[in-house]
């Protein structure tokens, strides 16, 4: 499956030393040039740069979203059958309203656990929280249900 990653996922996974999860889960991982600029450091070799060609849509989306989220959503609309990794609430809602398949960083962690790429999602969740990533109580409860 083709995945489009927003900056928050890339930055967060890098901050907890779990960035290598993405290429283990997905064959192709695209990042827009605007997201690459937001990340602020050199992207890993597996992150492929791809630009959205729909500048009109990007302009409309930036009325409500930051440029990285807007370009990621626009690119997701151009690629059929892809998954968008996005954490920002407003971006999630807009992407969902546009019919884009979405997940977030926490969803990536849970998928990696289910595929036995990480042994203890609880320790990963703790590291996420230590770097300022907010996880709702509802998601924590869902994780506990999955673990048991």
Protein backbone atom coordinates (compact mmCIF):
# COMPACT_ATOMS: atom_id res chain seq x y z
CA UNK A 1 0.00 0.00 0.00
CA UNK A 2 1.09 3.53 -0.74
CA UNK A 3 1.29 5.82 2.27
CA UNK A 4 1.54 9.58 2.52
CA UNK A 5 3.12 10.70 5.78
CA UNK A 6 2.60 14.08 7.38
CA UNK A 7 5.35 15.75 9.39
CA UNK A 8 3.95 14.97 12.85
CA UNK A 9 4.24 11.22 12.30
CA UNK A 10 7.77 11.44 10.91
CA UNK A 11 8.97 13.76 13.67
CA UNK A 12 7.32 11.81 16.46
CA UNK A 13 8.56 8.40 15.33
CA UNK A 14 12.06 9.82 14.89
CA UNK A 15 11.92 11.34 18.42
CA UNK A 16 11.16 7.93 19.95
CA UNK A 17 13.64 6.03 17.73
CA UNK A 18 10.90 4.12 15.89
CA UNK A 19 11.06 5.72 12.42
CA UNK A 20 12.16 2.41 10.91
CA UNK A 21 8.65 1.03 11.55
CA UNK A 22 7.22 2.80 8.49
CA UNK A 23 9.26 1.03 5.78
CA UNK A 24 8.61 -2.28 7.53
CA UNK A 25 4.87 -1.68 7.30
CA UNK A 26 4.56 -0.04 3.88
CA UNK A 27 6.17 -0.47 0.48
CA UNK A 28 5.99 3.15 -0.69
CA UNK A 29 6.03 6.16 1.63
CA UNK A 30 5.54 9.58 0.07
CA UNK A 31 6.26 12.93 1.66
CA UNK A 32 5.49 16.28 0.07
CA UNK A 33 8.31 18.82 -0.23
CA UNK A 34 6.40 21.04 2.21
CA UNK A 35 6.30 18.23 4.79
CA UNK A 36 10.01 17.59 4.22
CA UNK A 37 10.68 21.26 4.99
CA UNK A 38 8.56 21.01 8.17
CA UNK A 39 10.52 17.98 9.35
CA UNK A 40 13.63 20.13 9.09
CA UNK A 41 16.21 17.35 8.80
CA UNK A 42 17.26 15.08 5.96
CA UNK A 43 14.59 12.48 5.30
CA UNK A 44 15.46 8.78 5.42
CA UNK A 45 16.16 7.09 2.07
CA UNK A 46 12.79 5.29 2.15
CA UNK A 47 10.83 8.58 2.20
CA UNK A 48 10.04 9.49 -1.40
CA UNK A 49 9.38 13.13 -2.29
CA UNK A 50 6.25 13.70 -4.32
CA UNK A 51 4.47 16.97 -4.98
CA UNK A 52 0.73 17.52 -5.33
CA UNK A 53 -0.25 19.15 -8.59
CA UNK A 54 -3.56 20.58 -7.34
CA UNK A 55 -2.46 24.07 -6.26
CA UNK A 56 -6.07 25.32 -6.16
CA UNK A 57 -7.05 22.68 -3.61
CA UNK A 58 -3.91 23.34 -1.56
CA UNK A 59 -4.76 27.03 -1.48
CA UNK A 60 -8.30 26.24 -0.28
CA UNK A 61 -7.08 23.81 2.36
CA UNK A 62 -4.50 26.23 3.77
CA UNK A 63 -7.37 28.45 4.88
CA UNK A 64 -7.91 25.88 7.67
CA UNK A 65 -4.70 23.85 7.77
CA UNK A 66 -0.95 24.28 7.77
CA UNK A 67 0.79 23.85 4.44
CA UNK A 68 2.18 20.37 5.21
CA UNK A 69 -1.25 18.96 6.06
CA UNK A 70 -2.84 20.69 3.06
CA UNK A 71 -0.30 19.30 0.58
CA UNK A 72 -0.50 15.82 2.11
CA UNK A 73 -4.29 15.77 1.79
CA UNK A 74 -4.12 17.08 -1.77
CA UNK A 75 -1.58 14.39 -2.70
CA UNK A 76 -3.73 11.70 -1.06
CA UNK A 77 -6.62 12.72 -3.33
CA UNK A 78 -4.38 12.30 -6.38
CA UNK A 79 -3.22 8.76 -5.52
CA UNK A 80 -5.89 6.09 -5.58
CA UNK A 81 -6.02 3.55 -2.77
CA UNK A 82 -3.51 5.20 -0.46
CA UNK A 83 -3.37 5.78 3.27
CA UNK A 84 -2.72 9.19 4.83
CA UNK A 85 -0.91 9.31 8.17
CA UNK A 86 -2.01 12.52 9.87
CA UNK A 87 -2.41 13.43 13.54
CA UNK A 88 -3.79 16.98 13.60
CA UNK A 89 -7.53 16.86 14.48
CA UNK A 90 -8.73 19.37 11.91
CA UNK A 91 -6.67 17.68 9.20
CA UNK A 92 -8.03 14.27 10.19
CA UNK A 93 -11.59 15.54 9.96
CA UNK A 94 -11.09 17.21 6.59
CA UNK A 95 -9.31 14.17 5.12
CA UNK A 96 -12.06 11.89 6.38
CA UNK A 97 -14.76 14.19 4.94
CA UNK A 98 -12.95 14.00 1.58
CA UNK A 99 -13.05 10.18 1.67
CA UNK A 100 -9.35 9.64 2.29
CA UNK A 101 -8.28 6.54 4.23
CA UNK A 102 -6.52 7.80 7.35
CA UNK A 103 -4.56 6.66 10.35
CA UNK A 104 -2.39 8.42 12.89
CA UNK A 105 0.91 7.79 14.62
CA UNK A 106 -0.84 5.77 17.32
CA UNK A 107 -2.49 3.62 14.63
CA UNK A 108 0.95 2.96 13.15
CA UNK A 109 2.23 1.84 16.57
CA UNK A 110 -0.72 -0.54 17.00
CA UNK A 111 -0.29 -1.97 13.50
CA UNK A 112 3.42 -2.53 14.17
CA UNK A 113 2.48 -4.35 17.39
CA UNK A 114 -0.05 -6.53 15.58
CA UNK A 115 2.61 -7.44 12.99
CA UNK A 116 5.07 -8.16 15.84
CA UNK A 117 7.45 -5.39 14.80
CA UNK A 118 7.43 -4.02 18.35
CA UNK A 119 7.18 -6.16 21.43
CA UNK A 120 5.70 -3.76 23.95
CA UNK A 121 3.42 -0.99 22.71
CA UNK A 122 3.04 0.21 26.30
CA UNK A 123 6.69 1.28 26.41
CA UNK A 124 6.28 2.99 23.03
CA UNK A 125 3.21 4.82 24.33
CA UNK A 126 5.20 5.96 27.35
CA UNK A 127 7.96 7.26 25.06
CA UNK A 128 5.33 9.01 22.91
CA UNK A 129 3.95 10.78 25.95
CA UNK A 130 7.48 11.67 27.12
CA UNK A 131 8.05 13.59 23.86
CA UNK A 132 4.75 15.46 24.23
CA UNK A 133 2.50 13.32 22.01
CA UNK A 134 -1.02 13.36 23.43
CA UNK A 135 -2.99 10.12 23.50
CA UNK A 136 -6.61 10.11 24.53
CA UNK A 137 -7.80 7.86 27.33
CA UNK A 138 -10.09 6.20 24.79
CA UNK A 139 -7.13 5.16 22.62
CA UNK A 140 -5.22 3.91 25.65
CA UNK A 141 -8.22 1.76 26.60
CA UNK A 142 -8.45 0.38 23.05
CA UNK A 143 -4.77 -0.52 23.24
CA UNK A 144 -5.32 -2.33 26.54
CA UNK A 145 -8.19 -4.30 24.98
CA UNK A 146 -5.96 -5.29 22.06
CA UNK A 147 -3.19 -6.41 24.40
CA UNK A 148 -5.48 -8.69 26.40
